[in-house]
Amino acid sequence: MSRTETAAADHPDLKPFFTLRRSDANVPEGCFIGDGRKVVRRMLESPARLRTIVLTEPWLDFFRKGIEGRPETDLRVLVVPKAVVDGIIGYKVHQGVMALAEIPSAPELEEIATSPQPLLVALDGIADAENVGAVVRTCAAFGVTGLIVGPRTCSPWVRRAVRVSLGGVLRVPIHASADLPETLRALEARGVASYAAHIHGENRSSWETDFARPTCLVLGGEAEGVTAPVIAACRHVVYIPMAPGWDCLNVTASAAAFLYEAARSRSTSSA
């Protein structure tokens, strides 16, 4: 059963939340923080183990049913004044509800590669947390069955990424890869074709690509895109057709365009 109490700004359980405008240094290892009504609602609905919920008085009744339905016996619910939230966050534009939870166990590659008709996304060197969060949100929207996070990519579990994902990190299984080319070769051996989203070299358009088969879409970082070793491990390079004289899209827009095409292809093939 959860324990609800009124907390002042110096309450020790508030320390992890003083991170929104700084790093996640205060967040306990193996944990993440979610901000806002939609993210916290998804946290309450998820199997992730919650440790602390911080909210203002108006949110207590709103979330009461979800809090009472949680299985944790040691969940702390801290009710704080709006001024305390503003002090934690550093500005007044905040919904006044946030939660600390443990990061769910990461799935093994075999688990996401052998799911029925897998549609995977791999991230190669995407450094911006908000870009990562937006890609995760897009993955959740289009039914991606697994996200592979390569080296040099920002963790999807940092606070800004979780917030922008709108809790999508709890919907899409996330696997961390220490060697992305090797991971892609392992997927190929399991019958999953990898497609590098890139505009250079011999490639085919997304309109000409069969995304209905087991697929892993590889998205590259903001500066250089998909790196050469990763491209070499992919079966094909694909691009998004654009207006003449233009060849640039943000990685989050690219993810949406590719995954919409994949969802359309899969819907057509199953009709």
C-alpha atoms as a PDB file:
ATOM      1  CA  MET A   1       0.000   0.000   0.000  1.00  0.00           C
ATOM      2  CA  SER A   2       1.289   3.475  -0.845  1.00  0.00           C
ATOM      3  CA  ARG A   3       2.169   6.034   1.800  1.00  0.00           C
ATOM      4  CA  THR A   4       0.931   9.589   1.216  1.00  0.00           C
ATOM      5  CA  GLU A   5       2.407  12.545   3.056  1.00  0.00           C
ATOM      6  CA  THR A   6       2.819  16.289   2.714  1.00  0.00           C
ATOM      7  CA  ALA A   7       6.392  17.249   1.885  1.00  0.00           C
ATOM      8  CA  ALA A   8       8.446  20.415   2.198  1.00  0.00           C
ATOM      9  CA  ALA A   9      11.181  21.410  -0.236  1.00  0.00           C
ATOM     10  CA  ASP A  10      13.912  19.812   1.904  1.00  0.00           C
ATOM     11  CA  HIS A  11      12.308  16.361   2.004  1.00  0.00           C
ATOM     12  CA  PRO A  12      15.090  13.834   1.158  1.00  0.00           C
ATOM     13  CA  ASP A  13      12.894  11.915  -1.303  1.00  0.00           C
ATOM     14  CA  LEU A  14      12.645  15.036  -3.477  1.00  0.00           C
ATOM     15  CA  LYS A  15      16.381  15.093  -4.218  1.00  0.00           C
ATOM     16  CA  PRO A  16      16.215  12.942  -7.395  1.00  0.00           C
ATOM     17  CA  PHE A  17      13.704  15.330  -8.932  1.00  0.00           C
ATOM     18  CA  PHE A  18      16.055  18.340  -8.917  1.00  0.00           C
ATOM     19  CA  THR A  19      17.325  17.358 -12.361  1.00  0.00           C
ATOM     20  CA  LEU A  20      15.085  18.797 -15.079  1.00  0.00           C
ATOM     21  CA  ARG A  21      17.368  21.667 -16.085  1.00  0.00           C
ATOM     22  CA  ARG A  22      20.578  19.862 -15.194  1.00  0.00           C
ATOM     23  CA  SER A  23      21.884  16.317 -15.625  1.00  0.00           C
ATOM     24  CA  ASP A  24      20.283  13.174 -14.229  1.00  0.00           C
ATOM     25  CA  ALA A  25      23.109  12.867 -11.685  1.00  0.00           C
ATOM     26  CA  ASN A  26      20.743  12.722  -8.706  1.00  0.00           C
ATOM     27  CA  VAL A  27      18.578   9.951 -10.168  1.00  0.00           C
ATOM     28  CA  PRO A  28      19.351   6.594  -8.514  1.00  0.00           C
ATOM     29  CA  GLU A  29      21.117   4.106 -10.772  1.00  0.00           C
ATOM     30  CA  GLY A  30      18.664   1.955 -12.707  1.00  0.00           C
ATOM     31  CA  CYS A  31      15.832   4.458 -12.339  1.00  0.00           C
ATOM     32  CA  PHE A  32      14.149   7.128 -14.436  1.00  0.00           C
ATOM     33  CA  ILE A  33      11.863  10.105 -13.909  1.00  0.00           C
ATOM     34  CA  GLY A  34       8.670  10.872 -15.775  1.00  0.00           C
ATOM     35  CA  ASP A  35       7.048  14.318 -15.908  1.00  0.00           C
ATOM     36  CA  GLY A  36       3.495  15.380 -16.646  1.00  0.00           C
ATOM     37  CA  ARG A  37      -0.006  13.920 -16.589  1.00  0.00           C
ATOM     38  CA  LYS A  38       0.264  11.615 -19.610  1.00  0.00           C
ATOM     39  CA  VAL A  39       3.669  10.216 -18.707  1.00  0.00           C
ATOM     40  CA  VAL A  40       2.770   9.557 -15.070  1.00  0.00           C
ATOM     41  CA  ARG A  41      -0.540   7.981 -16.106  1.00  0.00           C
ATOM     42  CA  ARG A  42       1.345   5.563 -18.352  1.00  0.00           C
ATOM     43  CA  MET A  43       3.789   4.849 -15.539  1.00  0.00           C
ATOM     44  CA  LEU A  44       0.888   3.984 -13.232  1.00  0.00           C
ATOM     45  CA  GLU A  45      -0.580   1.697 -15.909  1.00  0.00           C
ATOM     46  CA  SER A  46       2.745  -0.044 -16.583  1.00  0.00           C
ATOM     47  CA  PRO A  47       4.444  -2.967 -14.819  1.00  0.00           C
ATOM     48  CA  ALA A  48       7.480  -0.765 -14.045  1.00  0.00           C
ATOM     49  CA  ARG A  49       8.205  -0.611 -10.317  1.00  0.00           C
ATOM     50  CA  LEU A  50       7.382   2.873  -8.986  1.00  0.00           C
ATOM     51  CA  ARG A  51       9.273   4.327  -6.034  1.00  0.00           C
ATOM     52  CA  THR A  52       8.023   7.899  -5.575  1.00  0.00           C
ATOM     53  CA  ILE A  53       5.257  10.118  -6.938  1.00  0.00           C
ATOM     54  CA  VAL A  54       5.423  13.876  -6.421  1.00  0.00           C
ATOM     55  CA  LEU A  55       2.322  15.946  -7.097  1.00  0.00           C
ATOM     56  CA  THR A  56       0.375  18.995  -6.087  1.00  0.00           C
ATOM     57  CA  GLU A  57      -2.912  18.675  -4.190  1.00  0.00           C
ATOM     58  CA  PRO A  58      -5.224  18.956  -7.262  1.00  0.00           C
ATOM     59  CA  TRP A  59      -3.563  15.904  -8.852  1.00  0.00           C
ATOM     60  CA  LEU A  60      -3.993  13.652  -5.826  1.00  0.00           C
ATOM     61  CA  ASP A  61      -7.673  12.971  -6.474  1.00  0.00           C
ATOM     62  CA  PHE A  62      -7.067  12.697 -10.226  1.00  0.00           C
ATOM     63  CA  PHE A  63      -4.507   9.912  -9.764  1.00  0.00           C
ATOM     64  CA  ARG A  64      -5.937   8.356  -6.597  1.00  0.00           C
ATOM     65  CA  LYS A  65      -7.467   5.315  -8.318  1.00  0.00           C
ATOM     66  CA  GLY A  66      -4.272   4.585 -10.250  1.00  0.00           C
ATOM     67  CA  ILE A  67      -2.140   4.984  -7.124  1.00  0.00           C
ATOM     68  CA  GLU A  68      -4.392   2.731  -5.060  1.00  0.00           C
ATOM     69  CA  GLY A  69      -4.186   0.086  -7.773  1.00  0.00           C
ATOM     70  CA  ARG A  70      -0.395  -0.145  -7.645  1.00  0.00           C
ATOM     71  CA  PRO A  71       1.143  -3.346  -6.226  1.00  0.00           C
ATOM     72  CA  GLU A  72       4.111  -1.698  -4.473  1.00  0.00           C
ATOM     73  CA  THR A  73       3.954  -1.730  -0.680  1.00  0.00           C
ATOM     74  CA  ASP A  74       6.599   0.981  -0.301  1.00  0.00           C
ATOM     75  CA  LEU A  75       5.473   3.557  -2.882  1.00  0.00           C
ATOM     76  CA  ARG A  76       5.892   7.092  -1.507  1.00  0.00           C
ATOM     77  CA  VAL A  77       3.372   9.737  -2.587  1.00  0.00           C
ATOM     78  CA  LEU A  78       4.559  13.250  -1.733  1.00  0.00           C
ATOM     79  CA  VAL A  79       2.015  16.060  -1.888  1.00  0.00           C
ATOM     80  CA  VAL A  80       3.799  19.392  -2.308  1.00  0.00           C
ATOM     81  CA  PRO A  81       2.750  23.030  -2.813  1.00  0.00           C
ATOM     82  CA  LYS A  82       3.003  24.445  -6.332  1.00  0.00           C
ATOM     83  CA  ALA A  83       5.808  26.723  -5.151  1.00  0.00           C
ATOM     84  CA  VAL A  84       7.880  23.665  -4.241  1.00  0.00           C
ATOM     85  CA  VAL A  85       7.365  22.195  -7.720  1.00  0.00           C
ATOM     86  CA  ASP A  86       8.412  25.509  -9.273  1.00  0.00           C
ATOM     87  CA  GLY A  87      11.533  25.498  -7.116  1.00  0.00           C
ATOM     88  CA  ILE A  88      12.409  21.937  -8.118  1.00  0.00           C
ATOM     89  CA  ILE A  89      11.858  22.519 -11.817  1.00  0.00           C
ATOM     90  CA  GLY A  90      13.204  26.064 -12.019  1.00  0.00           C
ATOM     91  CA  TYR A  91      10.232  27.589 -13.847  1.00  0.00           C
ATOM     92  CA  LYS A  92       6.439  27.782 -13.475  1.00  0.00           C
ATOM     93  CA  VAL A  93       5.335  26.063 -16.692  1.00  0.00           C
ATOM     94  CA  HIS A  94       5.009  22.541 -15.304  1.00  0.00           C
ATOM     95  CA  GLN A  95       1.946  20.366 -14.753  1.00  0.00           C
ATOM     96  CA  GLY A  96       2.852  19.612 -11.148  1.00  0.00           C
ATOM     97  CA  VAL A  97       3.136  15.805 -11.242  1.00  0.00           C
ATOM     98  CA  MET A  98       6.161  13.551 -11.666  1.00  0.00           C
ATOM     99  CA  ALA A  99       7.294  10.094 -10.641  1.00  0.00           C
ATOM    100  CA  LEU A 100      10.435   8.045 -10.049  1.00  0.00           C
ATOM    101  CA  ALA A 101      10.455   4.416 -11.210  1.00  0.00           C
ATOM    102  CA  GLU A 102      12.873   1.598 -11.911  1.00  0.00           C
ATOM    103  CA  ILE A 103      13.881   1.031 -15.541  1.00  0.00           C
ATOM    104  CA  PRO A 104      12.286  -2.211 -16.791  1.00  0.00           C
ATOM    105  CA  SER A 105      14.565  -5.126 -17.621  1.00  0.00           C
ATOM    106  CA  ALA A 106      15.938  -4.837 -21.156  1.00  0.00           C
ATOM    107  CA  PRO A 107      14.869  -7.574 -23.585  1.00  0.00           C
ATOM    108  CA  GLU A 108      17.464  -9.839 -25.187  1.00  0.00           C
ATOM    109  CA  LEU A 109      18.031  -9.397 -28.919  1.00  0.00           C
ATOM    110  CA  GLU A 110      16.581 -12.845 -29.574  1.00  0.00           C
ATOM    111  CA  GLU A 111      13.350 -11.801 -27.903  1.00  0.00           C
ATOM    112  CA  ILE A 112      12.698  -8.781 -30.122  1.00  0.00           C
ATOM    113  CA  ALA A 113      14.085 -10.414 -33.270  1.00  0.00           C
ATOM    114  CA  THR A 114      11.761 -13.397 -33.106  1.00  0.00           C
ATOM    115  CA  SER A 115       8.544 -11.579 -32.252  1.00  0.00           C
ATOM    116  CA  PRO A 116       5.825 -12.096 -34.884  1.00  0.00           C
ATOM    117  CA  GLN A 117       6.759 -10.070 -37.989  1.00  0.00           C
ATOM    118  CA  PRO A 118       9.242  -7.816 -36.164  1.00  0.00           C
ATOM    119  CA  LEU A 119       9.488  -4.128 -36.998  1.00  0.00           C
ATOM    120  CA  LEU A 120      12.581  -2.770 -35.281  1.00  0.00           C
ATOM    121  CA  VAL A 121      14.312   0.612 -35.168  1.00  0.00           C
ATOM    122  CA  ALA A 122      18.023   1.047 -34.419  1.00  0.00           C
ATOM    123  CA  LEU A 123      19.605   4.358 -33.402  1.00  0.00           C
ATOM    124  CA  ASP A 124      23.166   5.099 -34.501  1.00  0.00           C
ATOM    125  CA  GLY A 125      24.743   8.023 -32.649  1.00  0.00           C
ATOM    126  CA  ILE A 126      21.671  10.189 -31.977  1.00  0.00           C
ATOM    127  CA  ALA A 127      22.934  12.483 -29.240  1.00  0.00           C
ATOM    128  CA  ASP A 128      19.974  14.781 -28.555  1.00  0.00           C
ATOM    129  CA  ALA A 129      17.634  13.533 -25.815  1.00  0.00           C
ATOM    130  CA  GLU A 130      14.578  15.224 -27.287  1.00  0.00           C
ATOM    131  CA  ASN A 131      15.221  13.653 -30.697  1.00  0.00           C
ATOM    132  CA  VAL A 132      15.527  10.245 -29.067  1.00  0.00           C
ATOM    133  CA  GLY A 133      12.320  10.802 -27.116  1.00  0.00           C
ATOM    134  CA  ALA A 134      10.433  11.909 -30.217  1.00  0.00           C
ATOM    135  CA  VAL A 135      11.629   8.850 -32.139  1.00  0.00           C
ATOM    136  CA  VAL A 136      10.452   6.589 -29.308  1.00  0.00           C
ATOM    137  CA  ARG A 137       7.051   8.307 -29.353  1.00  0.00           C
ATOM    138  CA  THR A 138       6.849   7.712 -33.113  1.00  0.00           C
ATOM    139  CA  CYS A 139       7.849   4.078 -32.646  1.00  0.00           C
ATOM    140  CA  ALA A 140       5.011   3.605 -30.159  1.00  0.00           C
ATOM    141  CA  ALA A 141       2.547   5.223 -32.575  1.00  0.00           C
ATOM    142  CA  PHE A 142       3.407   2.902 -35.468  1.00  0.00           C
ATOM    143  CA  GLY A 143       3.684  -0.377 -33.598  1.00  0.00           C
ATOM    144  CA  VAL A 144       7.456  -0.842 -33.541  1.00  0.00           C
ATOM    145  CA  THR A 145       8.192  -4.094 -31.723  1.00  0.00           C
ATOM    146  CA  GLY A 146      11.673  -3.196 -30.494  1.00  0.00           C
ATOM    147  CA  LEU A 147      14.131  -0.295 -30.283  1.00  0.00           C
ATOM    148  CA  ILE A 148      17.877  -0.931 -30.462  1.00  0.00           C
ATOM    149  CA  VAL A 149      20.056   1.803 -28.959  1.00  0.00           C
ATOM    150  CA  GLY A 150      23.628   1.835 -30.247  1.00  0.00           C
ATOM    151  CA  PRO A 151      26.732   3.425 -28.708  1.00  0.00           C
ATOM    152  CA  ARG A 152      26.931   7.240 -28.752  1.00  0.00           C
ATOM    153  CA  THR A 153      23.144   7.445 -28.682  1.00  0.00           C
ATOM    154  CA  CYS A 154      21.532   9.264 -25.770  1.00  0.00           C
ATOM    155  CA  SER A 155      19.753   6.917 -23.369  1.00  0.00           C
ATOM    156  CA  PRO A 156      15.966   6.897 -23.879  1.00  0.00           C
ATOM    157  CA  TRP A 157      15.658   6.868 -20.079  1.00  0.00           C
ATOM    158  CA  VAL A 158      17.045  10.352 -19.397  1.00  0.00           C
ATOM    159  CA  ARG A 159      14.389  12.725 -18.169  1.00  0.00           C
ATOM    160  CA  ARG A 160      13.987  14.858 -21.298  1.00  0.00           C
ATOM    161  CA  ALA A 161      13.756  11.794 -23.530  1.00  0.00           C
ATOM    162  CA  VAL A 162      11.108  10.167 -21.327  1.00  0.00           C
ATOM    163  CA  ARG A 163       9.107  13.388 -21.254  1.00  0.00           C
ATOM    164  CA  VAL A 164       9.167  13.881 -25.032  1.00  0.00           C
ATOM    165  CA  SER A 165       8.343  10.209 -25.609  1.00  0.00           C
ATOM    166  CA  LEU A 166       5.114  10.742 -23.625  1.00  0.00           C
ATOM    167  CA  GLY A 167       5.840   7.471 -21.876  1.00  0.00           C
ATOM    168  CA  GLY A 168       6.575   5.604 -25.103  1.00  0.00           C
ATOM    169  CA  VAL A 169       9.652   4.145 -23.380  1.00  0.00           C
ATOM    170  CA  LEU A 170       7.215   1.959 -21.437  1.00  0.00           C
ATOM    171  CA  ARG A 171       5.470   0.801 -24.608  1.00  0.00           C
ATOM    172  CA  VAL A 172       8.410  -0.100 -26.889  1.00  0.00           C
ATOM    173  CA  PRO A 173      10.902  -2.753 -25.708  1.00  0.00           C
ATOM    174  CA  ILE A 174      14.396  -1.192 -25.607  1.00  0.00           C
ATOM    175  CA  HIS A 175      17.584  -3.183 -26.184  1.00  0.00           C
ATOM    176  CA  ALA A 176      21.046  -1.637 -25.731  1.00  0.00           C
ATOM    177  CA  SER A 177      23.727  -2.671 -28.233  1.00  0.00           C
ATOM    178  CA  ALA A 178      27.436  -2.271 -27.501  1.00  0.00           C
ATOM    179  CA  ASP A 179      28.310  -3.028 -31.147  1.00  0.00           C
ATOM    180  CA  LEU A 180      25.602  -1.957 -33.579  1.00  0.00           C
ATOM    181  CA  PRO A 181      27.114  -3.465 -36.777  1.00  0.00           C
ATOM    182  CA  GLU A 182      27.450  -6.821 -35.017  1.00  0.00           C
ATOM    183  CA  THR A 183      23.871  -6.567 -33.758  1.00  0.00           C
ATOM    184  CA  LEU A 184      22.604  -5.878 -37.271  1.00  0.00           C
ATOM    185  CA  ARG A 185      24.523  -8.873 -38.611  1.00  0.00           C
ATOM    186  CA  ALA A 186      22.956 -11.006 -35.883  1.00  0.00           C
ATOM    187  CA  LEU A 187      19.519  -9.770 -36.974  1.00  0.00           C
ATOM    188  CA  GLU A 188      20.300 -10.639 -40.588  1.00  0.00           C
ATOM    189  CA  ALA A 189      21.171 -14.166 -39.491  1.00  0.00           C
ATOM    190  CA  ARG A 190      17.718 -14.356 -37.917  1.00  0.00           C
ATOM    191  CA  GLY A 191      15.997 -13.233 -41.107  1.00  0.00           C
ATOM    192  CA  VAL A 192      15.552  -9.557 -40.194  1.00  0.00           C
ATOM    193  CA  ALA A 193      16.620  -7.198 -43.016  1.00  0.00           C
ATOM    194  CA  SER A 194      18.269  -3.924 -41.930  1.00  0.00           C
ATOM    195  CA  TYR A 195      17.730  -0.718 -43.905  1.00  0.00           C
ATOM    196  CA  ALA A 196      19.986   2.291 -43.327  1.00  0.00           C
ATOM    197  CA  ALA A 197      18.167   5.614 -43.722  1.00  0.00           C
ATOM    198  CA  HIS A 198      20.717   7.553 -45.750  1.00  0.00           C
ATOM    199  CA  ILE A 199      20.727   9.860 -48.776  1.00  0.00           C
ATOM    200  CA  HIS A 200      24.079   8.953 -50.305  1.00  0.00           C
ATOM    201  CA  GLY A 201      25.375   5.961 -52.232  1.00  0.00           C
ATOM    202  CA  GLU A 202      23.432   3.281 -54.066  1.00  0.00           C
ATOM    203  CA  ASN A 203      20.010   3.268 -52.501  1.00  0.00           C
ATOM    204  CA  ARG A 204      16.306   2.852 -53.076  1.00  0.00           C
ATOM    205  CA  SER A 205      13.365   5.035 -52.080  1.00  0.00           C
ATOM    206  CA  SER A 206      11.043   4.176 -49.227  1.00  0.00           C
ATOM    207  CA  TRP A 207       8.282   3.796 -51.823  1.00  0.00           C
ATOM    208  CA  GLU A 208      10.196   0.931 -53.431  1.00  0.00           C
ATOM    209  CA  THR A 209      11.032  -0.886 -50.215  1.00  0.00           C
ATOM    210  CA  ASP A 210       9.176  -3.897 -48.833  1.00  0.00           C
ATOM    211  CA  PHE A 211       8.781  -3.052 -45.165  1.00  0.00           C
ATOM    212  CA  ALA A 212       6.166  -5.787 -44.729  1.00  0.00           C
ATOM    213  CA  ARG A 213       8.924  -8.355 -44.164  1.00  0.00           C
ATOM    214  CA  PRO A 214      10.858  -8.568 -40.856  1.00  0.00           C
ATOM    215  CA  THR A 215      12.600  -5.193 -40.823  1.00  0.00           C
ATOM    216  CA  CYS A 216      15.048  -3.094 -38.855  1.00  0.00           C
ATOM    217  CA  LEU A 217      15.181   0.585 -39.816  1.00  0.00           C
ATOM    218  CA  VAL A 218      18.465   2.244 -38.872  1.00  0.00           C
ATOM    219  CA  LEU A 219      18.435   5.988 -38.144  1.00  0.00           C
ATOM    220  CA  GLY A 220      21.619   8.026 -37.846  1.00  0.00           C
ATOM    221  CA  GLY A 221      22.834  10.932 -35.755  1.00  0.00           C
ATOM    222  CA  GLU A 222      22.172  14.598 -36.325  1.00  0.00           C
ATOM    223  CA  ALA A 223      25.593  15.462 -37.782  1.00  0.00           C
ATOM    224  CA  GLU A 224      26.768  12.575 -39.958  1.00  0.00           C
ATOM    225  CA  GLY A 225      23.769  10.294 -40.271  1.00  0.00           C
ATOM    226  CA  VAL A 226      24.242   6.526 -40.287  1.00  0.00           C
ATOM    227  CA  THR A 227      27.955   5.747 -39.996  1.00  0.00           C
ATOM    228  CA  ALA A 228      29.867   3.765 -42.613  1.00  0.00           C
ATOM    229  CA  PRO A 229      30.426   0.593 -40.508  1.00  0.00           C
ATOM    230  CA  VAL A 230      26.715   0.468 -39.737  1.00  0.00           C
ATOM    231  CA  ILE A 231      25.752   1.015 -43.388  1.00  0.00           C
ATOM    232  CA  ALA A 232      28.064  -1.853 -44.333  1.00  0.00           C
ATOM    233  CA  ALA A 233      26.167  -4.148 -41.971  1.00  0.00           C
ATOM    234  CA  CYS A 234      22.790  -3.255 -43.526  1.00  0.00           C
ATOM    235  CA  ARG A 235      21.200  -5.062 -46.460  1.00  0.00           C
ATOM    236  CA  HIS A 236      20.018  -1.865 -48.189  1.00  0.00           C
ATOM    237  CA  VAL A 237      20.226   1.917 -47.980  1.00  0.00           C
ATOM    238  CA  VAL A 238      16.900   3.735 -48.285  1.00  0.00           C
ATOM    239  CA  TYR A 239      15.861   7.345 -48.642  1.00  0.00           C
ATOM    240  CA  ILE A 240      12.682   9.423 -48.459  1.00  0.00           C
ATOM    241  CA  PRO A 241      11.650  11.030 -51.777  1.00  0.00           C
ATOM    242  CA  MET A 242      11.586  14.824 -51.361  1.00  0.00           C
ATOM    243  CA  ALA A 243      11.024  17.905 -53.476  1.00  0.00           C
ATOM    244  CA  PRO A 244      13.714  18.604 -56.106  1.00  0.00           C
ATOM    245  CA  GLY A 245      16.719  20.417 -54.668  1.00  0.00           C
ATOM    246  CA  TRP A 246      16.076  19.362 -51.064  1.00  0.00           C
ATOM    247  CA  ASP A 247      17.517  16.363 -49.232  1.00  0.00           C
ATOM    248  CA  CYS A 248      17.233  17.170 -45.514  1.00  0.00           C
ATOM    249  CA  LEU A 249      14.805  16.082 -42.804  1.00  0.00           C
ATOM    250  CA  ASN A 250      15.181  16.010 -39.038  1.00  0.00           C
ATOM    251  CA  VAL A 251      15.668  12.466 -37.742  1.00  0.00           C
ATOM    252  CA  THR A 252      12.313  12.539 -35.981  1.00  0.00           C
ATOM    253  CA  ALA A 253      10.497  13.544 -39.173  1.00  0.00           C
ATOM    254  CA  SER A 254      12.392  10.847 -41.060  1.00  0.00           C
ATOM    255  CA  ALA A 255      11.352   8.247 -38.502  1.00  0.00           C
ATOM    256  CA  ALA A 256       7.704   9.237 -38.922  1.00  0.00           C
ATOM    257  CA  ALA A 257       7.880   9.101 -42.724  1.00  0.00           C
ATOM    258  CA  PHE A 258       9.587   5.695 -42.818  1.00  0.00           C
ATOM    259  CA  LEU A 259       7.416   4.132 -40.123  1.00  0.00           C
ATOM    260  CA  TYR A 260       4.215   5.422 -41.709  1.00  0.00           C
ATOM    261  CA  GLU A 261       5.326   3.715 -44.927  1.00  0.00           C
ATOM    262  CA  ALA A 262       6.094   0.519 -43.012  1.00  0.00           C
ATOM    263  CA  ALA A 263       2.702   0.560 -41.296  1.00  0.00           C
ATOM    264  CA  ARG A 264       0.958   1.180 -44.618  1.00  0.00           C
ATOM    265  CA  SER A 265       2.885  -1.653 -46.288  1.00  0.00           C
ATOM    266  CA  ARG A 266       2.021  -4.060 -43.501  1.00  0.00           C
ATOM    267  CA  SER A 267      -1.632  -3.042 -43.521  1.00  0.00           C
ATOM    268  CA  THR A 268      -1.831  -3.602 -47.286  1.00  0.00           C
ATOM    269  CA  SER A 269      -0.070  -6.980 -47.166  1.00  0.00           C
ATOM    270  CA  SER A 270      -2.390  -8.285 -44.446  1.00  0.00           C
ATOM    271  CA  ALA A 271      -5.596  -7.079 -46.106  1.00  0.00           C
END
